[in-house]
Protein backbone atom coordinates (compact mmCIF):
# COMPACT_ATOMS: atom_id res chain seq x y z
CA UNK A 1 0.00 0.00 0.00
CA UNK A 2 2.79 2.43 0.94
CA UNK A 3 4.58 1.67 -2.32
CA UNK A 4 1.38 2.38 -4.27
CA UNK A 5 0.93 5.74 -2.52
CA UNK A 6 4.58 6.61 -3.19
CA UNK A 7 4.16 5.92 -6.93
CA UNK A 8 1.01 8.03 -7.04
CA UNK A 9 2.77 10.83 -5.21
CA UNK A 10 5.68 10.82 -7.65
CA UNK A 11 3.29 11.05 -10.58
CA UNK A 12 1.35 13.94 -9.06
CA UNK A 13 4.47 15.84 -8.06
CA UNK A 14 6.33 15.29 -11.32
CA UNK A 15 7.38 18.11 -13.67
CA UNK A 16 4.56 20.06 -15.24
CA UNK A 17 4.43 21.71 -18.64
CA UNK A 18 4.39 25.49 -18.82
CA UNK A 19 0.95 26.84 -17.89
CA UNK A 20 0.42 28.47 -21.28
CA UNK A 21 1.11 25.23 -23.18
CA UNK A 22 -1.97 23.35 -22.02
CA UNK A 23 -5.66 23.74 -21.27
CA UNK A 24 -6.66 23.73 -17.62
CA UNK A 25 -8.74 20.89 -16.16
CA UNK A 26 -12.46 21.60 -16.19
CA UNK A 27 -15.34 20.59 -13.94
CA UNK A 28 -18.93 21.70 -14.10
CA UNK A 29 -21.48 22.64 -16.71
CA UNK A 30 -19.21 22.63 -19.74
CA UNK A 31 -17.60 19.36 -18.70
CA UNK A 32 -21.01 17.83 -19.27
CA UNK A 33 -22.22 17.08 -15.73
CA UNK A 34 -23.44 18.76 -12.58
CA UNK A 35 -25.85 21.50 -11.60
CA UNK A 36 -24.24 24.90 -11.61
CA UNK A 37 -24.65 28.63 -12.01
CA UNK A 38 -27.99 29.26 -13.78
CA UNK A 39 -26.52 31.40 -16.57
CA UNK A 40 -24.05 28.68 -17.55
CA UNK A 41 -26.68 25.98 -17.22
CA UNK A 42 -29.04 27.83 -19.57
CA UNK A 43 -26.27 28.59 -22.07
CA UNK A 44 -25.18 24.94 -22.03
CA UNK A 45 -28.72 23.76 -22.73
CA UNK A 46 -29.20 26.31 -25.51
CA UNK A 47 -25.91 25.64 -27.28
CA UNK A 48 -25.28 21.95 -26.59
CA UNK A 49 -28.60 20.40 -25.60
CA UNK A 50 -29.47 18.98 -29.02
CA UNK A 51 -26.55 16.54 -29.25
CA UNK A 52 -24.98 14.18 -26.71
CA UNK A 53 -21.92 12.70 -28.44
CA UNK A 54 -20.14 15.93 -29.38
CA UNK A 55 -16.68 15.86 -30.96
CA UNK A 56 -14.18 18.75 -31.03
CA UNK A 57 -16.50 20.95 -28.99
CA UNK A 58 -15.58 24.55 -28.26
CA UNK A 59 -17.88 26.84 -26.28
CA UNK A 60 -16.94 30.51 -26.44
CA UNK A 61 -17.98 32.79 -23.56
CA UNK A 62 -16.84 36.38 -24.08
CA UNK A 63 -17.06 38.88 -21.25
CA UNK A 64 -18.77 41.23 -23.68
CA UNK A 65 -20.57 39.66 -26.62
CA UNK A 66 -22.73 36.68 -27.46
CA UNK A 67 -22.02 33.10 -26.46
CA UNK A 68 -21.46 30.46 -29.15
CA UNK A 69 -20.40 26.85 -29.69
CA UNK A 70 -19.06 24.69 -32.50
CA UNK A 71 -18.70 20.91 -32.57
CA UNK A 72 -18.98 17.83 -34.79
CA UNK A 73 -21.31 14.85 -34.70
CA UNK A 74 -20.68 11.55 -36.45
CA UNK A 75 -23.37 10.58 -38.95
CA UNK A 76 -25.06 7.19 -38.89
CA UNK A 77 -23.93 6.57 -42.45
CA UNK A 78 -20.89 8.35 -43.90
CA UNK A 79 -19.07 11.45 -42.73
CA UNK A 80 -19.66 14.03 -40.03
CA UNK A 81 -21.83 17.10 -39.47
CA UNK A 82 -20.34 20.36 -38.22
CA UNK A 83 -22.73 22.27 -35.96
CA UNK A 84 -22.39 25.95 -35.11
CA UNK A 85 -24.77 27.52 -32.61
CA UNK A 86 -24.87 31.18 -31.53
CA UNK A 87 -27.13 32.85 -29.00
CA UNK A 88 -29.19 35.71 -30.34
CA UNK A 89 -28.05 38.97 -28.76
CA UNK A 90 -31.32 39.63 -26.94
CA UNK A 91 -31.23 36.14 -25.43
CA UNK A 92 -27.60 36.52 -24.45
CA UNK A 93 -28.56 39.61 -22.44
CA UNK A 94 -31.57 37.83 -20.99
CA UNK A 95 -29.60 34.79 -19.81
CA UNK A 96 -26.87 36.95 -18.31
CA UNK A 97 -29.65 38.55 -16.28
CA UNK A 98 -30.09 35.30 -14.35
CA UNK A 99 -27.62 36.77 -11.85
CA UNK A 100 -28.79 40.01 -10.27
CA UNK A 101 -26.62 42.86 -9.07
CA UNK A 102 -26.20 41.40 -5.60
CA UNK A 103 -24.69 38.30 -7.17
CA UNK A 104 -27.52 36.01 -6.08
CA UNK A 105 -28.84 33.84 -8.88
CA UNK A 106 -32.43 34.16 -10.07
CA UNK A 107 -33.22 30.47 -9.88
CA UNK A 108 -36.95 31.09 -10.12
CA UNK A 109 -36.50 32.51 -13.63
CA UNK A 110 -34.66 29.47 -14.96
CA UNK A 111 -37.49 26.92 -15.55
CA UNK A 112 -39.55 29.33 -17.65
CA UNK A 113 -36.53 30.33 -19.74
CA UNK A 114 -35.50 26.72 -20.35
CA UNK A 115 -38.79 26.02 -22.14
CA UNK A 116 -38.11 28.79 -24.65
CA UNK A 117 -34.46 28.17 -25.50
CA UNK A 118 -35.26 26.70 -28.92
CA UNK A 119 -35.96 30.23 -30.13
CA UNK A 120 -32.80 31.68 -28.54
CA UNK A 121 -30.22 30.21 -30.91
CA UNK A 122 -29.14 30.53 -34.53
CA UNK A 123 -27.97 27.13 -35.78
CA UNK A 124 -25.87 26.45 -38.88
CA UNK A 125 -24.59 23.10 -40.12
CA UNK A 126 -22.26 21.79 -42.80
CA UNK A 127 -21.16 18.31 -43.94
CA UNK A 128 -17.60 17.11 -43.45
CA UNK A 129 -16.05 14.10 -45.15
CA UNK A 130 -15.24 10.92 -43.24
CA UNK A 131 -11.44 11.17 -43.52
CA UNK A 132 -11.17 14.78 -42.35
CA UNK A 133 -13.70 14.30 -39.56
CA UNK A 134 -11.90 11.24 -38.24
CA UNK A 135 -8.56 13.07 -38.32
CA UNK A 136 -10.01 16.02 -36.38
CA UNK A 137 -11.71 13.79 -33.82
CA UNK A 138 -8.40 12.04 -33.08
CA UNK A 139 -6.53 15.35 -32.92
CA UNK A 140 -9.03 16.91 -30.51
CA UNK A 141 -8.67 13.87 -28.29
CA UNK A 142 -4.89 14.30 -28.22
CA UNK A 143 -5.24 17.95 -27.20
CA UNK A 144 -7.81 17.35 -24.45
CA UNK A 145 -5.99 14.35 -22.99
CA UNK A 146 -3.08 16.72 -22.21
CA UNK A 147 -5.19 18.82 -19.83
CA UNK A 148 -3.53 19.48 -16.47
CA UNK A 149 -3.53 22.05 -13.71
CA UNK A 150 -1.04 24.91 -14.15
CA UNK A 151 1.45 25.76 -11.43
CA UNK A 152 -0.47 28.94 -10.63
CA UNK A 153 -4.26 28.88 -10.61
CA UNK A 154 -6.34 31.90 -11.49
CA UNK A 155 -8.12 33.63 -14.33
CA UNK A 156 -8.84 37.14 -15.54
CA UNK A 157 -12.10 39.04 -15.37
CA UNK A 158 -12.47 40.37 -18.91
CA UNK A 159 -11.61 38.63 -22.15
CA UNK A 160 -12.86 35.36 -23.61
CA UNK A 161 -13.16 31.99 -21.88
CA UNK A 162 -13.05 28.90 -24.06
CA UNK A 163 -14.46 25.57 -22.89
CA UNK A 164 -13.15 22.68 -24.99
CA UNK A 165 -14.26 19.06 -24.84
CA UNK A 166 -14.60 15.96 -27.00
CA UNK A 167 -16.09 12.47 -26.81
CA UNK A 168 -13.35 9.84 -26.47
CA UNK A 169 -14.19 6.19 -25.80
CA UNK A 170 -16.87 6.53 -23.12
CA UNK A 171 -15.21 9.64 -21.66
CA UNK A 172 -15.54 13.38 -22.19
CA UNK A 173 -12.18 15.03 -21.46
CA UNK A 174 -12.46 18.77 -21.26
CA UNK A 175 -10.48 21.88 -20.46
CA UNK A 176 -10.65 25.65 -20.15
CA UNK A 177 -8.49 28.44 -21.49
CA UNK A 178 -8.90 32.15 -20.80
CA UNK A 179 -7.85 34.51 -23.61
CA UNK A 180 -4.93 32.25 -24.63
CA UNK A 181 -1.78 33.95 -25.85
CA UNK A 182 -1.10 33.72 -29.56
CA UNK A 183 1.27 30.89 -30.40
CA UNK A 184 0.25 28.66 -27.49
CA UNK A 185 -1.40 25.28 -27.93
CA UNK A 186 -4.83 26.49 -26.72
CA UNK A 187 -4.64 29.45 -29.11
CA UNK A 188 -3.87 27.15 -32.04
CA UNK A 189 -6.73 24.88 -31.01
CA UNK A 190 -9.11 27.85 -30.94
CA UNK A 191 -7.94 28.86 -34.44
CA UNK A 192 -8.61 25.32 -35.64
CA UNK A 193 -12.12 25.46 -34.19
CA UNK A 194 -12.77 28.87 -35.75
CA UNK A 195 -11.84 27.38 -39.12
CA UNK A 196 -14.21 24.48 -38.44
CA UNK A 197 -16.98 26.98 -37.69
CA UNK A 198 -16.21 28.78 -40.94
CA UNK A 199 -17.42 25.67 -42.78
CA UNK A 200 -20.94 26.47 -41.61
CA UNK A 201 -20.72 30.09 -42.73
CA UNK A 202 -19.55 29.81 -46.35
CA UNK A 203 -21.39 28.75 -49.49
CA UNK A 204 -21.09 25.15 -50.64
CA UNK A 205 -18.71 26.14 -53.44
CA UNK A 206 -16.24 27.65 -50.97
CA UNK A 207 -16.14 24.71 -48.56
CA UNK A 208 -13.31 22.86 -50.31
CA UNK A 209 -10.99 25.81 -49.66
CA UNK A 210 -11.99 25.90 -45.97
CA UNK A 211 -11.45 22.14 -45.64
CA UNK A 212 -7.95 22.55 -47.12
CA UNK A 213 -7.20 25.27 -44.53
CA UNK A 214 -8.64 23.04 -41.81
CA UNK A 215 -6.38 20.15 -42.80
CA UNK A 216 -3.34 22.42 -42.89
CA UNK A 217 -4.04 23.74 -39.39
CA UNK A 218 -4.67 20.20 -38.17
CA UNK A 219 -1.35 18.95 -39.55
CA UNK A 220 0.55 21.79 -37.91
CA UNK A 221 -1.19 21.23 -34.58
CA UNK A 222 -0.52 17.50 -34.81
CA UNK A 223 3.18 18.17 -35.44
CA UNK A 224 3.27 20.50 -32.44
CA UNK A 225 1.75 17.80 -30.24
CA UNK A 226 4.39 15.35 -31.44
CA UNK A 227 7.13 17.82 -30.48
CA UNK A 228 5.59 18.52 -27.07
CA UNK A 229 5.28 14.82 -26.32
CA UNK A 230 8.91 14.19 -27.27
CA UNK A 231 10.00 17.03 -24.96
CA UNK A 232 7.84 15.99 -22.03
CA UNK A 233 9.88 14.29 -19.23
């Protein structure tokens, strides 16, 4: 027993990667489980409630601006579907109002709002071929399985918080990044997701160009992960 505890201790106390190289571990609404702050709970239901097995999910929560999400689902037949969901501005303001000025949550308002969330979101979709979707799903898994606590905990007040997650073999690894610095792994992941979202915004004739950009970003991110794994003690 003592030997087992010693091994666990060595693992937990081992060297950690730089804080800006990895997402931070996530628990709560955007990890997929648990009852939480009403605003987040309503946003989660509005943006993610339609699909359970979400791949390469990224929820974007800006301090000022509307909340949005992008993710993939695997089709029953061939290929994948990219889903982009954005809260309408008036609903974004309404859901933020679930917390009053004293900081106490307006729990009584939540049930009525939850029945109307289908009208709160703009949804766009686009098809994605089997090969590219499978490559992205594997890549997102590699990124999220790196999640760890940084040496110094904390977050800023303003900026953008990103909640990333993906379905991996009966698990849903997830992580959070706050306004990641350009050039870091979380920043590159966000750029990949923004390119994925672009698929839902362009005309069908322009999708091939976006897919090519998506593959290029994926290859570069994959190469970066290889380098980080080789360098990790």
